[in-house]
């Protein structure tokens, strides 16, 4: 069976008076049905831009300048906007936006907001039926159905995040993009949200793209992981294999920088700063910060090499073997 989502050489640039920001620059990934892909990396590496691009929701002055987004065989990049909005966006692909506090309309009840998403895509559904479904969705995510009449300010941060999840699942999509779904939540609520997402994914057999900088969090839910740095994928493969045996120097340093209860007490960090995506360094974009950088790393961009089946890394250390 072919993958549900195939992204080929996707490029998303932001055009500003100070230059062109190459936020996503030649990214290729695949997501199978019922699978969870994690997008990991530092803030500003292009993870969220990639997520928005899959729904063609990149805010101005950004735009998709190249590549393909094949969803169930259909290229979403070339699809007319009205068809994308009617047949795909939210109906087959939905998104859990970062920061539920800002994702909900403060002057409308949460029931109305969930019902609206249902009624826009299902023309024969009445307002009463949509509100009944909204109540069922709230119950599904662990909120009292009577809360359909509540306003966002009457809910806790964790409850608002659950409402956003309910909205994303309202039309039973095939793929859900979760952009930092546990931002600004305490660790107990984070665990509850992650357990909820795992349970719903299993019950509904939906695919998921989980975007986060928190590698420890991603390890709990991901089947595959794609590590991004400065707009590019540097390592890609099964999550357990990548965690146990990271190959790219950036992935190795990211995993070493996770604080642990047992082990060295000194914190490990990655020296230097991510590059300016208007003028990225030549060759490998990580070479200014890489402890293993060679001359070729400074001159030429490394190819994406398949080390073993479904395991890829973009690093000259492995290309020269």
C-alpha atoms as a PDB file:
ATOM      1  CA  UNK A   1       0.000   0.000   0.000  1.00  0.00           C
ATOM      2  CA  UNK A   2       1.462   3.413  -0.959  1.00  0.00           C
ATOM      3  CA  UNK A   3       2.154   5.988   1.786  1.00  0.00           C
ATOM      4  CA  UNK A   4      -0.655   8.323   2.791  1.00  0.00           C
ATOM      5  CA  UNK A   5       1.611  11.377   2.491  1.00  0.00           C
ATOM      6  CA  UNK A   6       4.688  11.846   0.311  1.00  0.00           C
ATOM      7  CA  UNK A   7       6.551  15.170   0.445  1.00  0.00           C
ATOM      8  CA  UNK A   8       9.139  15.604  -2.310  1.00  0.00           C
ATOM      9  CA  UNK A   9      11.834  18.309  -2.280  1.00  0.00           C
ATOM     10  CA  UNK A  10       9.518  20.866  -0.651  1.00  0.00           C
ATOM     11  CA  UNK A  11      10.789  24.456  -0.462  1.00  0.00           C
ATOM     12  CA  UNK A  12       9.044  27.210   1.504  1.00  0.00           C
ATOM     13  CA  UNK A  13      10.585  30.696   1.499  1.00  0.00           C
ATOM     14  CA  UNK A  14       9.692  33.933   3.281  1.00  0.00           C
ATOM     15  CA  UNK A  15      10.289  37.059   1.213  1.00  0.00           C
ATOM     16  CA  UNK A  16      11.278  40.139   3.228  1.00  0.00           C
ATOM     17  CA  UNK A  17      13.012  43.458   2.620  1.00  0.00           C
ATOM     18  CA  UNK A  18      16.103  42.029   4.328  1.00  0.00           C
ATOM     19  CA  UNK A  19      16.299  38.985   2.075  1.00  0.00           C
ATOM     20  CA  UNK A  20      14.816  35.579   1.343  1.00  0.00           C
ATOM     21  CA  UNK A  21      14.481  33.290   4.368  1.00  0.00           C
ATOM     22  CA  UNK A  22      14.741  29.667   3.234  1.00  0.00           C
ATOM     23  CA  UNK A  23      12.700  28.196   6.072  1.00  0.00           C
ATOM     24  CA  UNK A  24      12.130  24.800   4.406  1.00  0.00           C
ATOM     25  CA  UNK A  25      14.701  24.020   1.753  1.00  0.00           C
ATOM     26  CA  UNK A  26      14.386  20.711  -0.062  1.00  0.00           C
ATOM     27  CA  UNK A  27      12.575  18.524   2.486  1.00  0.00           C
ATOM     28  CA  UNK A  28      11.341  15.026   1.591  1.00  0.00           C
ATOM     29  CA  UNK A  29       9.371  12.797   4.000  1.00  0.00           C
ATOM     30  CA  UNK A  30       6.772  10.011   3.929  1.00  0.00           C
ATOM     31  CA  UNK A  31       3.974   9.105   6.339  1.00  0.00           C
ATOM     32  CA  UNK A  32       2.118   5.796   6.145  1.00  0.00           C
ATOM     33  CA  UNK A  33      -1.486   5.269   7.190  1.00  0.00           C
ATOM     34  CA  UNK A  34      -1.800   4.958  10.957  1.00  0.00           C
ATOM     35  CA  UNK A  35       1.816   6.024  11.496  1.00  0.00           C
ATOM     36  CA  UNK A  36       3.258   8.820  13.638  1.00  0.00           C
ATOM     37  CA  UNK A  37       6.161  10.836  12.258  1.00  0.00           C
ATOM     38  CA  UNK A  38       8.009  13.165  14.628  1.00  0.00           C
ATOM     39  CA  UNK A  39       9.612  16.391  13.398  1.00  0.00           C
ATOM     40  CA  UNK A  40      12.341  17.392  15.824  1.00  0.00           C
ATOM     41  CA  UNK A  41      14.833  20.224  16.013  1.00  0.00           C
ATOM     42  CA  UNK A  42      15.677  23.569  17.597  1.00  0.00           C
ATOM     43  CA  UNK A  43      13.330  26.536  17.457  1.00  0.00           C
ATOM     44  CA  UNK A  44      13.523  28.257  14.076  1.00  0.00           C
ATOM     45  CA  UNK A  45      14.622  25.191  12.121  1.00  0.00           C
ATOM     46  CA  UNK A  46      11.465  25.133   9.953  1.00  0.00           C
ATOM     47  CA  UNK A  47       9.334  22.497  11.693  1.00  0.00           C
ATOM     48  CA  UNK A  48       6.179  24.577  12.083  1.00  0.00           C
ATOM     49  CA  UNK A  49       6.565  26.105   8.623  1.00  0.00           C
ATOM     50  CA  UNK A  50       6.643  22.590   7.179  1.00  0.00           C
ATOM     51  CA  UNK A  51       3.480  21.706   9.108  1.00  0.00           C
ATOM     52  CA  UNK A  52       1.639  24.796   7.843  1.00  0.00           C
ATOM     53  CA  UNK A  53       2.860  24.135   4.299  1.00  0.00           C
ATOM     54  CA  UNK A  54       1.202  20.709   4.269  1.00  0.00           C
ATOM     55  CA  UNK A  55      -2.150  22.488   4.604  1.00  0.00           C
ATOM     56  CA  UNK A  56      -1.042  25.409   2.418  1.00  0.00           C
ATOM     57  CA  UNK A  57      -1.509  27.753   5.346  1.00  0.00           C
ATOM     58  CA  UNK A  58       1.916  29.407   5.299  1.00  0.00           C
ATOM     59  CA  UNK A  59       1.316  33.027   6.390  1.00  0.00           C
ATOM     60  CA  UNK A  60       2.496  35.905   4.168  1.00  0.00           C
ATOM     61  CA  UNK A  61       5.158  36.803   3.151  1.00  0.00           C
ATOM     62  CA  UNK A  62       5.897  33.078   2.962  1.00  0.00           C
ATOM     63  CA  UNK A  63       4.993  30.814   0.109  1.00  0.00           C
ATOM     64  CA  UNK A  64       5.689  27.390  -1.332  1.00  0.00           C
ATOM     65  CA  UNK A  65       8.202  27.865  -4.143  1.00  0.00           C
ATOM     66  CA  UNK A  66       8.854  24.269  -5.169  1.00  0.00           C
ATOM     67  CA  UNK A  67       8.304  20.591  -4.522  1.00  0.00           C
ATOM     68  CA  UNK A  68       5.280  18.332  -4.233  1.00  0.00           C
ATOM     69  CA  UNK A  69       2.899  17.349  -1.415  1.00  0.00           C
ATOM     70  CA  UNK A  70       1.226  14.111  -2.486  1.00  0.00           C
ATOM     71  CA  UNK A  71      -1.672  13.220  -0.207  1.00  0.00           C
ATOM     72  CA  UNK A  72      -3.258   9.910  -1.165  1.00  0.00           C
ATOM     73  CA  UNK A  73      -1.853  10.475  -4.670  1.00  0.00           C
ATOM     74  CA  UNK A  74      -3.122  14.060  -5.104  1.00  0.00           C
ATOM     75  CA  UNK A  75      -0.631  16.934  -5.280  1.00  0.00           C
ATOM     76  CA  UNK A  76      -1.910  19.532  -2.809  1.00  0.00           C
ATOM     77  CA  UNK A  77       0.519  22.172  -4.089  1.00  0.00           C
ATOM     78  CA  UNK A  78      -1.245  22.460  -7.447  1.00  0.00           C
ATOM     79  CA  UNK A  79      -4.787  21.812  -6.188  1.00  0.00           C
ATOM     80  CA  UNK A  80      -7.242  24.727  -6.580  1.00  0.00           C
ATOM     81  CA  UNK A  81      -7.789  26.515  -3.273  1.00  0.00           C
ATOM     82  CA  UNK A  82     -11.553  25.893  -3.186  1.00  0.00           C
ATOM     83  CA  UNK A  83     -11.078  22.135  -3.715  1.00  0.00           C
ATOM     84  CA  UNK A  84      -8.341  22.016  -1.076  1.00  0.00           C
ATOM     85  CA  UNK A  85     -10.555  23.840   1.429  1.00  0.00           C
ATOM     86  CA  UNK A  86     -13.680  21.785   0.665  1.00  0.00           C
ATOM     87  CA  UNK A  87     -12.236  18.288   0.260  1.00  0.00           C
ATOM     88  CA  UNK A  88      -8.951  18.119   2.168  1.00  0.00           C
ATOM     89  CA  UNK A  89      -8.254  20.853   4.713  1.00  0.00           C
ATOM     90  CA  UNK A  90      -9.752  19.815   8.081  1.00  0.00           C
ATOM     91  CA  UNK A  91     -11.797  17.075   6.425  1.00  0.00           C
ATOM     92  CA  UNK A  92      -8.873  14.758   5.646  1.00  0.00           C
ATOM     93  CA  UNK A  93      -5.945  16.716   7.099  1.00  0.00           C
ATOM     94  CA  UNK A  94      -6.329  18.750  10.260  1.00  0.00           C
ATOM     95  CA  UNK A  95      -4.027  20.583  12.637  1.00  0.00           C
ATOM     96  CA  UNK A  96      -3.644  21.001  16.372  1.00  0.00           C
ATOM     97  CA  UNK A  97      -2.242  24.508  16.565  1.00  0.00           C
ATOM     98  CA  UNK A  98       0.504  25.576  18.931  1.00  0.00           C
ATOM     99  CA  UNK A  99      -0.783  27.446  21.962  1.00  0.00           C
ATOM    100  CA  UNK A 100      -4.449  26.623  22.535  1.00  0.00           C
ATOM    101  CA  UNK A 101      -4.812  29.931  24.371  1.00  0.00           C
ATOM    102  CA  UNK A 102      -4.429  31.747  21.051  1.00  0.00           C
ATOM    103  CA  UNK A 103      -6.147  29.183  18.830  1.00  0.00           C
ATOM    104  CA  UNK A 104      -9.637  29.650  20.290  1.00  0.00           C
ATOM    105  CA  UNK A 105     -11.929  32.640  19.726  1.00  0.00           C
ATOM    106  CA  UNK A 106     -12.380  34.245  23.180  1.00  0.00           C
ATOM    107  CA  UNK A 107     -15.869  35.624  22.467  1.00  0.00           C
ATOM    108  CA  UNK A 108     -17.510  32.397  21.269  1.00  0.00           C
ATOM    109  CA  UNK A 109     -18.372  29.254  23.191  1.00  0.00           C
ATOM    110  CA  UNK A 110     -16.237  26.220  22.548  1.00  0.00           C
ATOM    111  CA  UNK A 111     -19.330  24.328  21.397  1.00  0.00           C
ATOM    112  CA  UNK A 112     -19.994  26.916  18.694  1.00  0.00           C
ATOM    113  CA  UNK A 113     -16.390  26.779  17.510  1.00  0.00           C
ATOM    114  CA  UNK A 114     -16.374  22.991  17.175  1.00  0.00           C
ATOM    115  CA  UNK A 115     -19.826  23.005  15.581  1.00  0.00           C
ATOM    116  CA  UNK A 116     -18.729  25.586  13.020  1.00  0.00           C
ATOM    117  CA  UNK A 117     -15.948  23.332  11.745  1.00  0.00           C
ATOM    118  CA  UNK A 118     -18.477  20.516  11.329  1.00  0.00           C
ATOM    119  CA  UNK A 119     -21.111  22.628   9.567  1.00  0.00           C
ATOM    120  CA  UNK A 120     -18.663  24.199   7.098  1.00  0.00           C
ATOM    121  CA  UNK A 121     -17.699  20.804   5.725  1.00  0.00           C
ATOM    122  CA  UNK A 122     -20.968  18.915   6.142  1.00  0.00           C
ATOM    123  CA  UNK A 123     -23.708  21.023   4.560  1.00  0.00           C
ATOM    124  CA  UNK A 124     -26.662  18.866   5.642  1.00  0.00           C
ATOM    125  CA  UNK A 125     -25.854  19.036   9.350  1.00  0.00           C
ATOM    126  CA  UNK A 126     -28.034  21.345  11.452  1.00  0.00           C
ATOM    127  CA  UNK A 127     -26.665  23.564  14.225  1.00  0.00           C
ATOM    128  CA  UNK A 128     -28.317  21.367  16.841  1.00  0.00           C
ATOM    129  CA  UNK A 129     -26.789  18.190  15.390  1.00  0.00           C
ATOM    130  CA  UNK A 130     -23.383  19.853  15.189  1.00  0.00           C
ATOM    131  CA  UNK A 131     -23.586  20.916  18.839  1.00  0.00           C
ATOM    132  CA  UNK A 132     -24.541  17.371  19.838  1.00  0.00           C
ATOM    133  CA  UNK A 133     -21.485  16.080  18.014  1.00  0.00           C
ATOM    134  CA  UNK A 134     -19.387  18.775  19.689  1.00  0.00           C
ATOM    135  CA  UNK A 135     -20.560  17.495  23.076  1.00  0.00           C
ATOM    136  CA  UNK A 136     -19.606  13.935  22.072  1.00  0.00           C
ATOM    137  CA  UNK A 137     -16.172  15.124  20.971  1.00  0.00           C
ATOM    138  CA  UNK A 138     -15.630  16.888  24.290  1.00  0.00           C
ATOM    139  CA  UNK A 139     -16.548  13.704  26.125  1.00  0.00           C
ATOM    140  CA  UNK A 140     -14.109  11.782  23.915  1.00  0.00           C
ATOM    141  CA  UNK A 141     -11.228  14.032  25.015  1.00  0.00           C
ATOM    142  CA  UNK A 142     -12.192  13.865  28.683  1.00  0.00           C
ATOM    143  CA  UNK A 143     -14.217  17.076  29.127  1.00  0.00           C
ATOM    144  CA  UNK A 144     -17.744  17.275  30.559  1.00  0.00           C
ATOM    145  CA  UNK A 145     -20.107  17.594  27.533  1.00  0.00           C
ATOM    146  CA  UNK A 146     -21.936  20.407  29.349  1.00  0.00           C
ATOM    147  CA  UNK A 147     -18.869  22.526  28.688  1.00  0.00           C
ATOM    148  CA  UNK A 148     -20.138  23.189  25.140  1.00  0.00           C
ATOM    149  CA  UNK A 149     -21.611  26.382  26.600  1.00  0.00           C
ATOM    150  CA  UNK A 150     -18.326  27.489  28.199  1.00  0.00           C
ATOM    151  CA  UNK A 151     -16.045  30.208  26.886  1.00  0.00           C
ATOM    152  CA  UNK A 152     -12.273  29.655  26.542  1.00  0.00           C
ATOM    153  CA  UNK A 153     -11.443  31.856  29.553  1.00  0.00           C
ATOM    154  CA  UNK A 154     -13.497  29.506  31.754  1.00  0.00           C
ATOM    155  CA  UNK A 155     -11.199  26.570  30.980  1.00  0.00           C
ATOM    156  CA  UNK A 156      -7.726  25.644  32.207  1.00  0.00           C
ATOM    157  CA  UNK A 157      -4.785  25.433  29.819  1.00  0.00           C
ATOM    158  CA  UNK A 158      -5.005  21.649  29.638  1.00  0.00           C
ATOM    159  CA  UNK A 159      -8.749  21.769  28.955  1.00  0.00           C
ATOM    160  CA  UNK A 160      -8.266  24.298  26.159  1.00  0.00           C
ATOM    161  CA  UNK A 161      -5.658  22.027  24.600  1.00  0.00           C
ATOM    162  CA  UNK A 162      -8.162  19.159  24.719  1.00  0.00           C
ATOM    163  CA  UNK A 163     -10.756  21.386  23.007  1.00  0.00           C
ATOM    164  CA  UNK A 164      -8.293  22.115  20.196  1.00  0.00           C
ATOM    165  CA  UNK A 165      -7.693  18.365  19.842  1.00  0.00           C
ATOM    166  CA  UNK A 166     -11.460  17.770  19.696  1.00  0.00           C
ATOM    167  CA  UNK A 167     -11.760  20.381  16.934  1.00  0.00           C
ATOM    168  CA  UNK A 168      -8.969  18.722  14.956  1.00  0.00           C
ATOM    169  CA  UNK A 169     -10.747  15.347  15.173  1.00  0.00           C
ATOM    170  CA  UNK A 170     -14.252  16.654  14.482  1.00  0.00           C
ATOM    171  CA  UNK A 171     -14.355  15.305  10.915  1.00  0.00           C
ATOM    172  CA  UNK A 172     -12.375  12.125  11.556  1.00  0.00           C
ATOM    173  CA  UNK A 173      -9.353  13.082   9.392  1.00  0.00           C
ATOM    174  CA  UNK A 174      -6.797  10.647   7.999  1.00  0.00           C
ATOM    175  CA  UNK A 175      -3.853  12.812   9.099  1.00  0.00           C
ATOM    176  CA  UNK A 176      -3.457  15.156  12.075  1.00  0.00           C
ATOM    177  CA  UNK A 177      -0.560  17.619  12.341  1.00  0.00           C
ATOM    178  CA  UNK A 178       0.183  18.413  15.989  1.00  0.00           C
ATOM    179  CA  UNK A 179       2.343  21.538  16.317  1.00  0.00           C
ATOM    180  CA  UNK A 180       3.918  21.619  19.790  1.00  0.00           C
ATOM    181  CA  UNK A 181       0.676  20.342  21.387  1.00  0.00           C
ATOM    182  CA  UNK A 182       2.009  20.556  24.957  1.00  0.00           C
ATOM    183  CA  UNK A 183       3.477  24.077  24.866  1.00  0.00           C
ATOM    184  CA  UNK A 184       2.995  26.061  28.110  1.00  0.00           C
ATOM    185  CA  UNK A 185       1.534  23.055  29.957  1.00  0.00           C
ATOM    186  CA  UNK A 186       2.982  21.593  33.144  1.00  0.00           C
ATOM    187  CA  UNK A 187       4.550  18.127  33.009  1.00  0.00           C
ATOM    188  CA  UNK A 188       1.518  16.335  34.475  1.00  0.00           C
ATOM    189  CA  UNK A 189      -0.844  17.833  31.881  1.00  0.00           C
ATOM    190  CA  UNK A 190       1.742  17.183  29.161  1.00  0.00           C
ATOM    191  CA  UNK A 191       1.663  13.488  30.004  1.00  0.00           C
ATOM    192  CA  UNK A 192      -2.148  13.484  29.966  1.00  0.00           C
ATOM    193  CA  UNK A 193      -2.260  15.151  26.530  1.00  0.00           C
ATOM    194  CA  UNK A 194       0.321  12.758  25.076  1.00  0.00           C
ATOM    195  CA  UNK A 195      -1.545   9.723  26.451  1.00  0.00           C
ATOM    196  CA  UNK A 196      -4.784  11.110  25.003  1.00  0.00           C
ATOM    197  CA  UNK A 197      -3.208  11.558  21.565  1.00  0.00           C
ATOM    198  CA  UNK A 198      -1.773   8.029  21.626  1.00  0.00           C
ATOM    199  CA  UNK A 199      -5.155   6.562  22.595  1.00  0.00           C
ATOM    200  CA  UNK A 200      -7.101   8.513  19.948  1.00  0.00           C
ATOM    201  CA  UNK A 201      -4.564   7.668  17.250  1.00  0.00           C
ATOM    202  CA  UNK A 202      -4.897   3.957  18.028  1.00  0.00           C
ATOM    203  CA  UNK A 203      -8.704   4.044  18.241  1.00  0.00           C
ATOM    204  CA  UNK A 204      -9.113   5.977  14.983  1.00  0.00           C
ATOM    205  CA  UNK A 205      -6.146   4.478  13.089  1.00  0.00           C
ATOM    206  CA  UNK A 206      -5.122   7.950  11.965  1.00  0.00           C
ATOM    207  CA  UNK A 207      -1.695   9.126  10.890  1.00  0.00           C
ATOM    208  CA  UNK A 208      -0.013  11.904  12.825  1.00  0.00           C
ATOM    209  CA  UNK A 209       2.850  14.349  12.391  1.00  0.00           C
ATOM    210  CA  UNK A 210       4.096  15.443  15.801  1.00  0.00           C
ATOM    211  CA  UNK A 211       6.168  18.647  15.806  1.00  0.00           C
ATOM    212  CA  UNK A 212       8.297  19.389  18.862  1.00  0.00           C
ATOM    213  CA  UNK A 213      11.745  20.372  20.075  1.00  0.00           C
ATOM    214  CA  UNK A 214      11.321  17.955  23.011  1.00  0.00           C
ATOM    215  CA  UNK A 215      12.990  14.708  21.966  1.00  0.00           C
ATOM    216  CA  UNK A 216      12.072  12.935  25.189  1.00  0.00           C
ATOM    217  CA  UNK A 217       8.399  13.725  24.552  1.00  0.00           C
ATOM    218  CA  UNK A 218       8.575  12.537  20.943  1.00  0.00           C
ATOM    219  CA  UNK A 219      10.145   9.226  21.952  1.00  0.00           C
ATOM    220  CA  UNK A 220       6.880   8.236  23.635  1.00  0.00           C
ATOM    221  CA  UNK A 221       4.672   8.492  20.573  1.00  0.00           C
ATOM    222  CA  UNK A 222       6.677   8.442  17.323  1.00  0.00           C
ATOM    223  CA  UNK A 223       7.138   5.533  14.922  1.00  0.00           C
ATOM    224  CA  UNK A 224       9.602   7.488  12.775  1.00  0.00           C
ATOM    225  CA  UNK A 225      11.584  10.634  13.431  1.00  0.00           C
ATOM    226  CA  UNK A 226      12.890  13.310  11.079  1.00  0.00           C
ATOM    227  CA  UNK A 227      15.491  15.622  12.611  1.00  0.00           C
ATOM    228  CA  UNK A 228      15.542  19.106  11.063  1.00  0.00           C
ATOM    229  CA  UNK A 229      18.329  21.659  11.119  1.00  0.00           C
ATOM    230  CA  UNK A 230      18.281  25.038   9.365  1.00  0.00           C
ATOM    231  CA  UNK A 231      15.466  24.105   6.988  1.00  0.00           C
ATOM    232  CA  UNK A 232      16.734  20.652   6.038  1.00  0.00           C
ATOM    233  CA  UNK A 233      16.280  17.068   7.193  1.00  0.00           C
ATOM    234  CA  UNK A 234      19.613  15.778   8.518  1.00  0.00           C
ATOM    235  CA  UNK A 235      18.512  12.368   9.834  1.00  0.00           C
ATOM    236  CA  UNK A 236      15.440  10.257   9.221  1.00  0.00           C
ATOM    237  CA  UNK A 237      14.419   6.774  10.302  1.00  0.00           C
ATOM    238  CA  UNK A 238      12.595   4.570  12.844  1.00  0.00           C
ATOM    239  CA  UNK A 239      12.457   6.463  16.133  1.00  0.00           C
ATOM    240  CA  UNK A 240      13.808   3.650  18.324  1.00  0.00           C
ATOM    241  CA  UNK A 241      16.798   3.146  16.002  1.00  0.00           C
ATOM    242  CA  UNK A 242      17.554   6.876  15.822  1.00  0.00           C
ATOM    243  CA  UNK A 243      17.350   7.254  19.601  1.00  0.00           C
ATOM    244  CA  UNK A 244      19.525   4.214  20.296  1.00  0.00           C
ATOM    245  CA  UNK A 245      22.086   4.921  17.580  1.00  0.00           C
ATOM    246  CA  UNK A 246      22.026   8.532  16.331  1.00  0.00           C
ATOM    247  CA  UNK A 247      24.311   9.003  13.357  1.00  0.00           C
ATOM    248  CA  UNK A 248      24.292  12.694  12.455  1.00  0.00           C
ATOM    249  CA  UNK A 249      26.440  14.831  14.798  1.00  0.00           C
ATOM    250  CA  UNK A 250      23.508  17.204  15.334  1.00  0.00           C
ATOM    251  CA  UNK A 251      21.207  14.362  16.432  1.00  0.00           C
ATOM    252  CA  UNK A 252      23.927  13.025  18.723  1.00  0.00           C
ATOM    253  CA  UNK A 253      24.369  16.410  20.394  1.00  0.00           C
ATOM    254  CA  UNK A 254      20.597  16.951  20.681  1.00  0.00           C
ATOM    255  CA  UNK A 255      20.170  13.651  22.515  1.00  0.00           C
ATOM    256  CA  UNK A 256      23.170  14.295  24.753  1.00  0.00           C
ATOM    257  CA  UNK A 257      21.687  17.656  25.777  1.00  0.00           C
ATOM    258  CA  UNK A 258      18.579  16.052  27.327  1.00  0.00           C
ATOM    259  CA  UNK A 259      18.874  16.314  31.154  1.00  0.00           C
ATOM    260  CA  UNK A 260      18.865  12.933  32.898  1.00  0.00           C
ATOM    261  CA  UNK A 261      18.281  11.911  36.499  1.00  0.00           C
ATOM    262  CA  UNK A 262      21.169   9.438  36.304  1.00  0.00           C
ATOM    263  CA  UNK A 263      24.441  10.178  34.569  1.00  0.00           C
ATOM    264  CA  UNK A 264      26.720  13.204  34.245  1.00  0.00           C
ATOM    265  CA  UNK A 265      25.570  16.149  36.338  1.00  0.00           C
ATOM    266  CA  UNK A 266      27.037  18.728  33.965  1.00  0.00           C
ATOM    267  CA  UNK A 267      24.648  19.963  31.296  1.00  0.00           C
ATOM    268  CA  UNK A 268      25.703  19.363  27.709  1.00  0.00           C
ATOM    269  CA  UNK A 269      24.817  21.934  25.057  1.00  0.00           C
ATOM    270  CA  UNK A 270      25.451  22.532  21.383  1.00  0.00           C
ATOM    271  CA  UNK A 271      27.993  25.346  20.955  1.00  0.00           C
ATOM    272  CA  UNK A 272      27.284  28.271  18.655  1.00  0.00           C
ATOM    273  CA  UNK A 273      24.024  29.487  17.143  1.00  0.00           C
ATOM    274  CA  UNK A 274      21.772  28.237  14.311  1.00  0.00           C
ATOM    275  CA  UNK A 275      22.592  30.000  11.032  1.00  0.00           C
ATOM    276  CA  UNK A 276      20.721  32.929   9.522  1.00  0.00           C
ATOM    277  CA  UNK A 277      18.454  31.272   6.952  1.00  0.00           C
ATOM    278  CA  UNK A 278      18.785  34.284   4.656  1.00  0.00           C
ATOM    279  CA  UNK A 279      22.488  33.513   4.233  1.00  0.00           C
ATOM    280  CA  UNK A 280      23.063  29.906   5.310  1.00  0.00           C
ATOM    281  CA  UNK A 281      26.678  28.700   5.332  1.00  0.00           C
ATOM    282  CA  UNK A 282      27.952  26.839   2.261  1.00  0.00           C
ATOM    283  CA  UNK A 283      28.193  23.078   2.336  1.00  0.00           C
ATOM    284  CA  UNK A 284      26.653  21.375   5.357  1.00  0.00           C
ATOM    285  CA  UNK A 285      24.664  23.958   7.316  1.00  0.00           C
ATOM    286  CA  UNK A 286      25.742  22.395  10.606  1.00  0.00           C
ATOM    287  CA  UNK A 287      29.493  22.521   9.925  1.00  0.00           C
ATOM    288  CA  UNK A 288      30.186  25.748  11.928  1.00  0.00           C
ATOM    289  CA  UNK A 289      28.948  23.954  15.063  1.00  0.00           C
ATOM    290  CA  UNK A 290      30.038  20.400  14.248  1.00  0.00           C
ATOM    291  CA  UNK A 291      32.934  18.837  16.196  1.00  0.00           C
ATOM    292  CA  UNK A 292      33.639  16.475  13.275  1.00  0.00           C
ATOM    293  CA  UNK A 293      33.577  18.987  10.408  1.00  0.00           C
ATOM    294  CA  UNK A 294      35.911  18.252   7.476  1.00  0.00           C
ATOM    295  CA  UNK A 295      36.980  20.397   4.539  1.00  0.00           C
ATOM    296  CA  UNK A 296      34.346  18.834   2.296  1.00  0.00           C
ATOM    297  CA  UNK A 297      31.660  19.810   4.831  1.00  0.00           C
ATOM    298  CA  UNK A 298      32.546  23.482   4.319  1.00  0.00           C
ATOM    299  CA  UNK A 299      32.438  23.233   0.515  1.00  0.00           C
ATOM    300  CA  UNK A 300      29.688  20.825  -0.513  1.00  0.00           C
ATOM    301  CA  UNK A 301      26.214  20.031   0.742  1.00  0.00           C
ATOM    302  CA  UNK A 302      26.045  16.395   1.890  1.00  0.00           C
ATOM    303  CA  UNK A 303      23.664  14.057   0.056  1.00  0.00           C
ATOM    304  CA  UNK A 304      20.940  12.163   1.898  1.00  0.00           C
ATOM    305  CA  UNK A 305      22.397   8.662   2.211  1.00  0.00           C
ATOM    306  CA  UNK A 306      20.392   5.507   2.909  1.00  0.00           C
ATOM    307  CA  UNK A 307      22.526   3.763   5.524  1.00  0.00           C
ATOM    308  CA  UNK A 308      20.128   0.839   5.834  1.00  0.00           C
ATOM    309  CA  UNK A 309      16.514   0.248   4.763  1.00  0.00           C
ATOM    310  CA  UNK A 310      14.413   3.320   5.736  1.00  0.00           C
ATOM    311  CA  UNK A 311      17.367   4.889   7.616  1.00  0.00           C
ATOM    312  CA  UNK A 312      18.817   8.075   6.132  1.00  0.00           C
ATOM    313  CA  UNK A 313      21.460  10.585   7.161  1.00  0.00           C
ATOM    314  CA  UNK A 314      22.879  13.666   5.430  1.00  0.00           C
ATOM    315  CA  UNK A 315      26.520  13.669   6.552  1.00  0.00           C
ATOM    316  CA  UNK A 316      29.845  13.401   4.699  1.00  0.00           C
ATOM    317  CA  UNK A 317      31.210  11.037   7.361  1.00  0.00           C
ATOM    318  CA  UNK A 318      29.035   8.293   5.933  1.00  0.00           C
ATOM    319  CA  UNK A 319      29.278   9.317   2.265  1.00  0.00           C
ATOM    320  CA  UNK A 320      33.039   8.794   2.327  1.00  0.00           C
ATOM    321  CA  UNK A 321      32.860   5.225   3.616  1.00  0.00           C
END
